[in-house]
Protein backbone atom coordinates (compact mmCIF):
# COMPACT_ATOMS: atom_id res chain seq x y z
CA GLN A 1 -143.10 8.23 -64.20
CA LYS A 2 -144.77 5.15 -62.79
CA LYS A 3 -142.43 2.72 -64.51
CA PRO A 4 -140.55 0.41 -62.13
CA GLU A 5 -137.16 1.89 -63.06
CA HIS A 6 -138.37 5.38 -62.12
CA LEU A 7 -140.14 4.22 -58.97
CA ALA A 8 -136.86 2.62 -57.86
CA LYS A 9 -135.37 6.13 -57.82
CA GLN A 10 -138.43 8.10 -56.72
CA PRO A 11 -140.94 6.05 -54.69
CA PHE A 12 -143.76 8.55 -55.31
CA GLY A 13 -143.30 8.46 -59.09
CA LYS A 14 -142.69 12.20 -59.39
CA ILE A 15 -140.05 14.40 -60.97
CA PRO A 16 -137.41 15.76 -60.64
CA VAL A 17 -134.81 13.15 -59.80
CA LEU A 18 -131.09 13.92 -59.75
CA GLU A 19 -128.68 11.10 -60.54
CA GLN A 20 -124.91 11.42 -60.12
CA GLN A 21 -123.05 8.14 -60.47
CA ASP A 22 -124.34 6.05 -57.53
CA PHE A 23 -126.16 8.96 -55.83
CA VAL A 24 -129.89 9.51 -56.38
CA LEU A 25 -131.84 12.42 -54.88
CA TYR A 26 -135.44 13.52 -55.34
CA GLU A 27 -137.50 16.55 -54.28
CA SER A 28 -136.69 19.83 -55.97
CA ARG A 29 -135.69 21.73 -52.83
CA ALA A 30 -133.31 18.99 -51.71
CA ILE A 31 -131.81 18.93 -55.21
CA ALA A 32 -131.44 22.73 -55.22
CA ARG A 33 -129.67 22.69 -51.86
CA PHE A 34 -127.41 19.84 -53.00
CA ILE A 35 -126.47 21.76 -56.15
CA ASN A 36 -125.82 24.86 -54.04
CA ASP A 37 -123.51 22.86 -51.79
CA THR A 38 -121.63 21.06 -54.55
CA ALA A 39 -121.67 23.04 -57.79
CA THR A 40 -121.33 26.71 -56.94
CA GLY A 41 -117.55 26.76 -56.59
CA GLY A 42 -117.71 27.74 -52.94
CA GLN A 43 -120.01 30.70 -53.64
CA SER A 44 -123.11 29.57 -51.75
CA LEU A 45 -126.40 31.14 -52.71
CA VAL A 46 -127.57 30.62 -49.12
CA PRO A 47 -126.41 33.34 -46.69
CA SER A 48 -123.88 32.30 -44.05
CA ASP A 49 -125.06 34.88 -41.49
CA PRO A 50 -127.56 33.10 -39.20
CA LYS A 51 -130.16 35.88 -39.31
CA GLN A 52 -129.95 36.25 -43.08
CA ARG A 53 -130.07 32.45 -43.48
CA ALA A 54 -133.16 32.35 -41.25
CA ILE A 55 -134.86 34.90 -43.50
CA PHE A 56 -133.85 32.82 -46.54
CA GLU A 57 -135.38 29.71 -44.91
CA GLN A 58 -138.49 31.68 -43.98
CA TRP A 59 -139.08 32.61 -47.63
CA ALA A 60 -138.24 29.08 -48.80
CA SER A 61 -140.82 27.70 -46.36
CA LEU A 62 -143.38 30.26 -47.47
CA GLU A 63 -142.88 29.24 -51.09
CA ALA A 64 -143.15 25.54 -50.26
CA GLY A 65 -146.17 25.75 -48.00
CA THR A 66 -148.19 28.68 -49.32
CA TYR A 67 -147.29 29.53 -52.90
CA ASN A 68 -146.42 26.14 -54.40
CA PRO A 69 -149.69 24.28 -53.60
CA HIS A 70 -151.71 26.92 -55.44
CA ILE A 71 -149.35 27.04 -58.42
CA GLU A 72 -149.58 23.24 -58.63
CA GLY A 73 -153.38 23.49 -58.49
CA LEU A 74 -153.45 26.06 -61.29
CA VAL A 75 -151.08 24.04 -63.47
CA ALA A 76 -153.11 20.90 -62.85
CA GLN A 77 -156.35 22.59 -63.89
CA ARG A 78 -154.97 24.53 -66.85
CA VAL A 79 -152.50 21.96 -68.22
CA PHE A 80 -152.86 18.42 -66.94
CA VAL A 81 -156.64 18.07 -66.70
CA PRO A 82 -157.16 19.19 -70.33
CA MET A 83 -154.14 17.14 -71.45
CA LYS A 84 -155.86 14.05 -70.06
CA GLY A 85 -159.12 14.94 -71.79
CA GLY A 86 -160.82 16.45 -68.76
CA GLN A 87 -162.61 19.74 -68.27
CA THR A 88 -160.92 22.54 -66.34
CA ASP A 89 -162.77 23.34 -63.12
CA GLU A 90 -162.97 27.14 -63.25
CA ASN A 91 -164.07 27.29 -59.61
CA LYS A 92 -160.83 25.59 -58.58
CA VAL A 93 -158.84 27.91 -60.85
CA LYS A 94 -160.48 30.93 -59.21
CA GLU A 95 -159.91 29.50 -55.73
CA HIS A 96 -156.18 29.00 -56.36
CA TYR A 97 -155.81 32.35 -58.11
CA ASP A 98 -157.60 34.21 -55.30
CA ALA A 99 -155.42 32.48 -52.70
CA LEU A 100 -152.30 33.67 -54.53
CA LYS A 101 -153.61 37.23 -54.71
CA GLY A 102 -154.09 37.20 -50.96
């Protein structure tokens, strides 16, 4: 992910990256919204009613700001740290898990 050809598409060296001909887009939520706008045959998954759309955006923001950081922390500790030869920090696992439980 840190190879120059990937960094040219995604300056932070992360995934996912969507490529369509000469169009490149990164960040999963932006990609999801782009797919919704272009590939659903006119059947948007996002409500058109302003109040319903606001509730949709509320939940999308909640996922991005509250849920996702803790899921990323759990995945890092349970998958990536051991994959790189490190030791899982069980205190961090508990901290993320407890935050998700509320």
